[in-house]
């Protein structure tokens, strides 16, 4: 079976010179939270002059909805491909975890399979759906990857102002929060538990290196081992997609400018950042339980600026007065 199936393409074929400058951005559109992908896409599109090609990845059932939403709104001018992800590829690789079932959504693992999705481009941006971009995506795309690095992420120990936030809500920012150090397989890795983790919700990736290092195969191996040995403390940290990446990319990734991944906005319904700081931020990420399309949540005004209501009326924001 194929892992990705292109169900719809909307763009004109350009001359080869123009193809060079295309910036591929991968975003997943998940059932029940499709408005998230829409706001993310809308924010990127509104803040850049760059030639962005959106790869919008969904499951078979959600694809018609996302297409209609884009085609019947002001997003109809974007260049995009709608791609169906086949969750069969995950069979036997995910351990069921009742604490936060949403982290087991098949689309959480799309980022493991980027080279199978993107064939033409050397460099790719992957973004979680619960983000909005306030800067020019070209800047993120221009992130330098060191030779031999397949990806760049944002370090969890990189920003003093997020640190305050992390301490105040007890966020995990080391490997100990994601891997179960009581397990021999984890101790055998020789990674100190106090090593700073990174957040894979924003990735700039090099496809040539990714394939060369067989990153996808390595990630799958650690998913399978987790099913057998329960190696990740997914109840503690950010779930099942982060842990294999922390292992495979340990000591082998470049870093993204911290202002391009201001996160933890969804971690608590009442911890807030200063407005001034958020205005300076290039990208905001509501990782955590408190999402900006739901209630309660913080800084929802910054997210809602980019949201485009669902023409079909299926997706509705949850607000205190709704």
Protein backbone atom coordinates (compact mmCIF):
# COMPACT_ATOMS: atom_id res chain seq x y z
CA UNK A 1 0.00 0.00 0.00
CA UNK A 2 1.08 3.57 -0.45
CA UNK A 3 1.69 5.72 2.59
CA UNK A 4 0.69 8.96 0.87
CA UNK A 5 -1.88 9.41 -1.84
CA UNK A 6 -2.21 12.75 -3.65
CA UNK A 7 -5.89 13.38 -3.84
CA UNK A 8 -5.85 16.93 -5.14
CA UNK A 9 -3.39 19.45 -6.54
CA UNK A 10 -4.14 23.14 -6.98
CA UNK A 11 -1.44 25.15 -8.68
CA UNK A 12 -0.15 26.02 -12.12
CA UNK A 13 2.92 24.26 -13.33
CA UNK A 14 5.68 26.82 -13.41
CA UNK A 15 8.86 27.10 -15.37
CA UNK A 16 11.82 25.23 -13.81
CA UNK A 17 13.50 28.46 -12.63
CA UNK A 18 10.49 29.37 -10.54
CA UNK A 19 10.31 25.88 -9.06
CA UNK A 20 13.65 26.49 -7.38
CA UNK A 21 12.30 29.07 -5.03
CA UNK A 22 9.29 27.11 -3.86
CA UNK A 23 8.97 26.70 -0.09
CA UNK A 24 7.20 23.46 0.81
CA UNK A 25 5.25 23.65 4.09
CA UNK A 26 3.68 20.50 5.52
CA UNK A 27 0.64 20.85 7.83
CA UNK A 28 -1.79 18.17 8.94
CA UNK A 29 -5.53 18.77 8.98
CA UNK A 30 -7.14 16.56 11.61
CA UNK A 31 -10.83 15.81 12.14
CA UNK A 32 -12.40 17.83 14.94
CA UNK A 33 -9.71 20.51 14.80
CA UNK A 34 -9.55 21.41 11.16
CA UNK A 35 -9.85 25.11 11.95
CA UNK A 36 -6.34 24.88 13.40
CA UNK A 37 -4.72 24.03 10.05
CA UNK A 38 -6.80 26.75 8.39
CA UNK A 39 -5.59 29.45 10.81
CA UNK A 40 -1.98 28.26 10.46
CA UNK A 41 -2.13 28.34 6.65
CA UNK A 42 -3.89 31.69 6.64
CA UNK A 43 -1.26 33.24 8.95
CA UNK A 44 1.65 31.98 6.81
CA UNK A 45 0.04 33.08 3.55
CA UNK A 46 -0.80 36.55 4.88
CA UNK A 47 2.71 37.30 6.15
CA UNK A 48 4.92 36.38 3.21
CA UNK A 49 5.59 37.20 -0.41
CA UNK A 50 7.44 33.89 -0.81
CA UNK A 51 6.32 31.17 -3.19
CA UNK A 52 4.84 28.73 -0.64
CA UNK A 53 3.46 25.34 -1.59
CA UNK A 54 1.29 23.87 1.16
CA UNK A 55 1.17 20.10 1.58
CA UNK A 56 -2.03 19.61 3.56
CA UNK A 57 -2.13 16.08 4.93
CA UNK A 58 -5.29 14.41 6.16
CA UNK A 59 -7.03 11.08 6.52
CA UNK A 60 -9.40 9.91 3.82
CA UNK A 61 -12.54 11.05 5.67
CA UNK A 62 -11.43 14.64 6.27
CA UNK A 63 -10.03 15.53 2.85
CA UNK A 64 -13.24 16.72 1.13
CA UNK A 65 -13.96 19.05 4.07
CA UNK A 66 -10.56 20.74 4.03
CA UNK A 67 -10.71 21.18 0.25
CA UNK A 68 -14.11 22.87 0.37
CA UNK A 69 -12.99 25.14 3.21
CA UNK A 70 -10.00 26.36 1.20
CA UNK A 71 -11.80 26.67 -2.12
CA UNK A 72 -14.74 28.57 -0.64
CA UNK A 73 -12.72 31.10 1.33
CA UNK A 74 -10.04 33.68 0.71
CA UNK A 75 -7.48 30.86 0.87
CA UNK A 76 -8.48 29.81 -2.63
CA UNK A 77 -5.47 31.70 -4.01
CA UNK A 78 -2.88 29.57 -2.15
CA UNK A 79 -0.84 26.86 -3.89
CA UNK A 80 -1.60 23.57 -2.22
CA UNK A 81 -1.65 19.80 -2.48
CA UNK A 82 -4.07 17.77 -0.41
CA UNK A 83 -2.50 14.47 0.52
CA UNK A 84 -4.10 11.44 2.12
CA UNK A 85 -2.04 9.68 4.80
CA UNK A 86 -2.53 5.93 5.07
CA UNK A 87 -2.50 5.02 8.79
CA UNK A 88 -1.88 1.35 7.95
CA UNK A 89 1.82 2.19 8.00
CA UNK A 90 1.56 2.60 11.79
CA UNK A 91 0.11 -0.85 12.41
CA UNK A 92 1.96 -2.50 15.28
CA UNK A 93 4.05 0.61 15.91
CA UNK A 94 1.86 2.51 18.39
CA UNK A 95 1.21 1.56 21.96
CA UNK A 96 -2.29 2.51 23.08
CA UNK A 97 -2.09 5.09 25.83
CA UNK A 98 -5.26 6.16 27.58
CA UNK A 99 -3.90 9.27 29.28
CA UNK A 100 -3.93 11.54 26.21
CA UNK A 101 -5.46 9.63 23.30
CA UNK A 102 -5.20 12.70 21.05
CA UNK A 103 -1.41 12.22 20.96
CA UNK A 104 -1.92 8.88 19.23
CA UNK A 105 -3.70 10.38 16.24
CA UNK A 106 -2.11 8.88 13.12
CA UNK A 107 -1.37 12.34 11.72
CA UNK A 108 1.01 12.97 14.64
CA UNK A 109 3.41 10.63 12.87
CA UNK A 110 3.33 12.22 9.40
CA UNK A 111 6.55 14.06 10.30
CA UNK A 112 8.36 10.69 10.49
CA UNK A 113 7.66 10.10 6.79
CA UNK A 114 8.58 13.43 5.21
CA UNK A 115 10.75 12.09 2.34
CA UNK A 116 7.92 9.83 1.22
CA UNK A 117 5.63 12.84 1.05
CA UNK A 118 8.05 15.31 -0.50
CA UNK A 119 9.92 14.11 -3.54
CA UNK A 120 11.05 17.22 -5.35
CA UNK A 121 12.36 19.44 -2.61
CA UNK A 122 15.65 19.35 -0.76
CA UNK A 123 14.46 21.43 2.18
CA UNK A 124 11.07 21.26 3.86
CA UNK A 125 9.23 22.95 6.72
CA UNK A 126 6.94 20.84 8.90
CA UNK A 127 4.54 22.63 11.28
CA UNK A 128 2.07 21.39 13.87
CA UNK A 129 -1.49 22.60 13.27
CA UNK A 130 -1.78 24.49 16.60
CA UNK A 131 0.58 27.26 15.53
CA UNK A 132 0.29 30.63 13.86
CA UNK A 133 3.07 32.45 12.05
CA UNK A 134 3.55 36.20 12.55
CA UNK A 135 6.85 36.48 10.67
CA UNK A 136 7.84 35.83 7.06
CA UNK A 137 8.12 32.04 6.55
CA UNK A 138 11.07 32.68 4.20
CA UNK A 139 13.13 33.51 7.32
CA UNK A 140 12.37 30.13 8.88
CA UNK A 141 13.10 28.40 5.58
CA UNK A 142 16.51 30.12 5.49
CA UNK A 143 17.52 28.41 8.77
CA UNK A 144 21.02 27.02 8.26
CA UNK A 145 21.43 23.30 8.79
CA UNK A 146 24.94 22.19 9.70
CA UNK A 147 26.58 19.62 7.39
CA UNK A 148 25.40 16.13 8.34
CA UNK A 149 22.23 17.39 10.04
CA UNK A 150 18.88 16.14 8.70
CA UNK A 151 16.80 18.60 10.73
CA UNK A 152 16.66 21.74 12.84
CA UNK A 153 14.46 22.08 15.93
CA UNK A 154 13.96 24.53 18.73
CA UNK A 155 15.76 23.66 21.97
CA UNK A 156 13.68 23.49 25.12
CA UNK A 157 16.29 25.42 27.10
CA UNK A 158 16.68 28.28 24.72
CA UNK A 159 14.61 31.20 25.93
CA UNK A 160 14.71 32.91 29.31
CA UNK A 161 11.16 34.20 29.02
CA UNK A 162 9.77 30.77 28.22
CA UNK A 163 11.76 29.42 31.13
CA UNK A 164 9.70 31.38 33.61
CA UNK A 165 6.65 29.89 32.01
CA UNK A 166 8.11 26.38 32.04
CA UNK A 167 8.93 26.58 35.73
CA UNK A 168 5.59 28.03 36.66
CA UNK A 169 3.58 25.23 35.06
CA UNK A 170 6.01 22.36 35.63
CA UNK A 171 6.77 21.74 31.97
CA UNK A 172 9.20 19.02 31.01
CA UNK A 173 12.25 20.34 29.22
CA UNK A 174 14.72 17.47 29.57
CA UNK A 175 14.97 13.94 28.21
CA UNK A 176 13.87 12.60 31.59
CA UNK A 177 10.40 13.96 30.89
CA UNK A 178 10.04 11.85 27.75
CA UNK A 179 12.07 8.67 28.22
CA UNK A 180 11.71 6.12 30.99
CA UNK A 181 15.19 5.92 32.50
CA UNK A 182 14.21 2.87 34.55
CA UNK A 183 14.38 0.88 31.30
CA UNK A 184 17.71 -0.66 30.31
CA UNK A 185 17.25 0.14 26.61
CA UNK A 186 17.04 3.84 27.49
CA UNK A 187 20.01 3.77 29.88
CA UNK A 188 22.04 1.96 27.19
CA UNK A 189 21.68 5.00 24.92
CA UNK A 190 24.11 6.82 27.20
CA UNK A 191 22.11 10.06 27.02
CA UNK A 192 22.11 12.07 30.25
CA UNK A 193 18.54 12.43 31.61
CA UNK A 194 19.17 16.15 32.16
CA UNK A 195 19.86 16.74 28.44
CA UNK A 196 17.67 19.51 27.04
CA UNK A 197 14.83 18.20 24.95
CA UNK A 198 13.55 19.86 21.77
CA UNK A 199 10.04 20.33 20.43
CA UNK A 200 9.33 18.70 17.03
CA UNK A 201 6.28 20.89 16.34
CA UNK A 202 8.40 23.10 14.09
CA UNK A 203 10.95 21.34 11.88
CA UNK A 204 13.20 22.52 9.08
CA UNK A 205 14.42 19.34 7.40
CA UNK A 206 16.92 18.35 4.73
CA UNK A 207 15.49 15.46 2.70
CA UNK A 208 18.83 14.32 1.26
CA UNK A 209 20.34 13.89 4.72
CA UNK A 210 17.12 12.38 6.08
CA UNK A 211 17.20 9.66 3.42
CA UNK A 212 20.95 9.19 3.65
CA UNK A 213 20.74 8.61 7.42
CA UNK A 214 17.60 6.48 7.05
CA UNK A 215 15.87 8.59 9.69
CA UNK A 216 12.41 7.16 8.95
CA UNK A 217 13.67 3.58 9.47
CA UNK A 218 15.35 4.58 12.74
CA UNK A 219 12.19 6.28 14.02
CA UNK A 220 10.11 3.22 13.14
CA UNK A 221 12.57 1.00 14.98
CA UNK A 222 12.13 3.04 18.17
CA UNK A 223 8.35 3.03 17.78
CA UNK A 224 8.42 -0.76 17.56
CA UNK A 225 10.72 -1.09 20.55
CA UNK A 226 8.37 1.10 22.55
CA UNK A 227 5.44 -1.19 21.74
CA UNK A 228 7.48 -4.11 23.07
CA UNK A 229 9.20 -2.46 26.04
CA UNK A 230 7.18 0.67 26.93
CA UNK A 231 10.19 3.01 26.82
CA UNK A 232 8.53 6.42 26.84
CA UNK A 233 6.92 8.27 29.69
CA UNK A 234 4.20 9.67 27.47
CA UNK A 235 2.06 10.56 30.48
CA UNK A 236 4.81 12.90 31.65
CA UNK A 237 5.83 14.62 28.49
CA UNK A 238 4.59 15.51 25.06
CA UNK A 239 3.63 12.06 23.99
CA UNK A 240 4.60 9.39 21.61
CA UNK A 241 5.81 11.27 18.54
CA UNK A 242 8.44 13.31 20.39
CA UNK A 243 10.31 10.51 22.16
CA UNK A 244 11.59 8.57 19.12
CA UNK A 245 12.77 11.86 17.62
CA UNK A 246 14.66 12.76 20.80
CA UNK A 247 16.53 9.44 20.53
CA UNK A 248 17.23 9.48 16.79
CA UNK A 249 18.25 13.15 16.58
CA UNK A 250 20.20 13.31 19.84
CA UNK A 251 23.30 15.46 19.28
CA UNK A 252 22.59 15.56 15.53
CA UNK A 253 20.35 18.55 14.89
CA UNK A 254 20.70 22.24 14.17
CA UNK A 255 18.73 24.87 16.05
CA UNK A 256 15.96 27.18 14.97
CA UNK A 257 15.97 30.81 16.06
CA UNK A 258 14.05 30.74 19.37
CA UNK A 259 11.69 33.52 18.25
CA UNK A 260 10.51 31.14 15.52
CA UNK A 261 9.03 28.77 18.08
CA UNK A 262 7.45 30.46 21.07
CA UNK A 263 5.58 27.61 22.67
CA UNK A 264 3.65 26.29 25.67
CA UNK A 265 0.80 28.72 25.01
CA UNK A 266 -1.57 25.79 25.48
CA UNK A 267 -0.01 24.51 28.66
CA UNK A 268 -2.20 26.28 31.17
CA UNK A 269 -5.51 28.15 30.94
CA UNK A 270 -4.12 31.09 32.91
CA UNK A 271 -0.32 31.42 32.50
CA UNK A 272 0.22 34.25 30.08
CA UNK A 273 3.18 35.77 28.28
CA UNK A 274 3.67 39.53 28.11
CA UNK A 275 1.85 41.02 25.12
CA UNK A 276 4.99 42.87 24.05
CA UNK A 277 6.99 39.63 23.95
CA UNK A 278 4.33 37.88 21.88
CA UNK A 279 4.25 40.72 19.38
CA UNK A 280 7.98 40.19 18.78
CA UNK A 281 7.51 36.44 18.31
CA UNK A 282 7.62 35.06 14.77
CA UNK A 283 5.72 31.86 15.48
CA UNK A 284 3.36 30.94 18.34
CA UNK A 285 2.60 27.36 19.36
CA UNK A 286 -0.29 26.34 21.62
CA UNK A 287 1.19 22.96 22.57
CA UNK A 288 -0.58 21.47 25.58
CA UNK A 289 -4.21 20.78 26.34
CA UNK A 290 -5.64 24.31 26.13
CA UNK A 291 -6.12 25.00 22.44
CA UNK A 292 -7.05 28.44 21.08
CA UNK A 293 -10.14 27.18 19.23
CA UNK A 294 -11.42 25.78 22.54
CA UNK A 295 -12.22 27.35 25.89
CA UNK A 296 -10.47 28.02 28.23
CA UNK A 297 -7.28 29.06 26.47
CA UNK A 298 -4.88 32.03 26.56
CA UNK A 299 -3.97 34.57 23.89
CA UNK A 300 -6.84 33.39 21.69
CA UNK A 301 -7.12 36.86 20.10
CA UNK A 302 -3.71 36.37 18.41
CA UNK A 303 -4.89 33.07 16.97
CA UNK A 304 -8.36 34.22 15.97
CA UNK A 305 -6.94 37.04 13.84
CA UNK A 306 -6.00 34.36 11.29
CA UNK A 307 -8.93 31.99 11.66
CA UNK A 308 -11.35 31.78 8.71
CA UNK A 309 -14.84 30.51 9.62
CA UNK A 310 -15.89 27.19 8.09
CA UNK A 311 -18.17 27.88 5.10
CA UNK A 312 -19.92 24.55 5.76
CA UNK A 313 -20.59 25.53 9.40
CA UNK A 314 -19.31 22.16 10.68
CA UNK A 315 -16.33 23.53 12.62
CA UNK A 316 -17.20 26.04 15.35
CA UNK A 317 -15.02 27.85 17.85
CA UNK A 318 -15.78 27.14 21.50
CA UNK A 319 -16.17 30.46 23.32
CA UNK A 320 -17.54 31.26 26.79
CA UNK A 321 -20.69 32.75 25.26
CA UNK A 322 -21.21 30.04 22.64
